[in-house]
Amino acid sequence: MDFLFNHYKSYNTGVNTLVMSVNNSLHSVNPPREDHKPTIYTRILNHLISNRLHPGKIYPVYALLNKNFYVFGAFTFNTGGTISFFPDLYGDLPFDHITVAKDFMKKGGHLTTIGASAKHSKLLEFDLEKLENDDYHVATFMMKDGSMMMDLFEKIDLPNMTLDEKETNKNISILQEATSNQVSIIDFPDNPGIFCIQVTLQVARRKEDKIQIYTKPIADFLETTRDLSKPIMAKKLEIYDGKFSDHSFYISAFRVEGNIPENSPMILAVNNGRLLQEIDIKILKKKDPASQNEGFKT
């Protein structure tokens, strides 16, 4: 993956146009669908394009399902110490991204919507679900196939920026700091079943073999006869940037045989889900202390 940005100066007006795009060299078996073009790069860089604010360090995440590459989303490590996750799912999500506070153990996180004027508004504040091993559950996704995610295109054109000379140099510097040619790829074990992706947050980094699967969301929303108390084989990857945060995200990819009533349940652990009850997102409500760690298995 390559972030490309070039600027062109109009000698009639003295104004520069910054042209941006993302190129990918990965190839899928199936051709990309025109109505499944990724949106995360435009959404993340909108903070820079519309508000002239630093978008944070961007870490894109792709997924490999059945020999096809998809765009799952991206994480940004923000200059203020917060961390955001931008899922890239097909259809209209009622929020743009999930943000975890720098001191998330006290301040939790929130869902953010973006208005027509690029104004950020909080949709819902919530506490992350603390797990038995002191990690925190952020979200779990379940899907039958890759149709809920965006396809990977060879080239993605981003909105242009019109800037004066001083702004051009500043914004190119920001883009160089924010972007990277590296991408993380979620890969799944070969066993059959529903594709599951679980995102957890660690206060302190730990070895991969200490990362565990939180099975409560699976038990609640997946119709399965599998014994979830037995170990679940998973492939895992870490999203970490020590320059911006001491915390790290872990993404666990695994498969569980069963059935889901719809293609893309997304489960969040929150205090109060009233604002989201009428939309297609499943809310795993905060449990009482007596049952807080129920369903937490390796």
Foldseek 3Di string as FASTA:
>chain_A
DDKDWDWDADPVVQKIKIWIKDFDDQDAPDDFDPLQAWDQVQLLCCCCQQVVDQSAAKAWEWEAFPRFIFTQWIWGQDQVQKIKTAGAWRDDDPFGIKIADNPCQPQNIFTWHADPSRDIDTLDGFHFQQAPVRKTWFKKKWFQGCNGTGGDDRMGTYDMHMGHPVSVVVVVVSCVVRYDPDHHYAYEDPDDAIKMKTKIKDQADDDPVPDFDQCPVVVVFWAAPDDLQDGFDWDKDKDDDPVRHRMIMMMTIGGGHTDGPDGIEMEGEGADDPSPPPDRYHYDYQDDPVCSHPRTHD
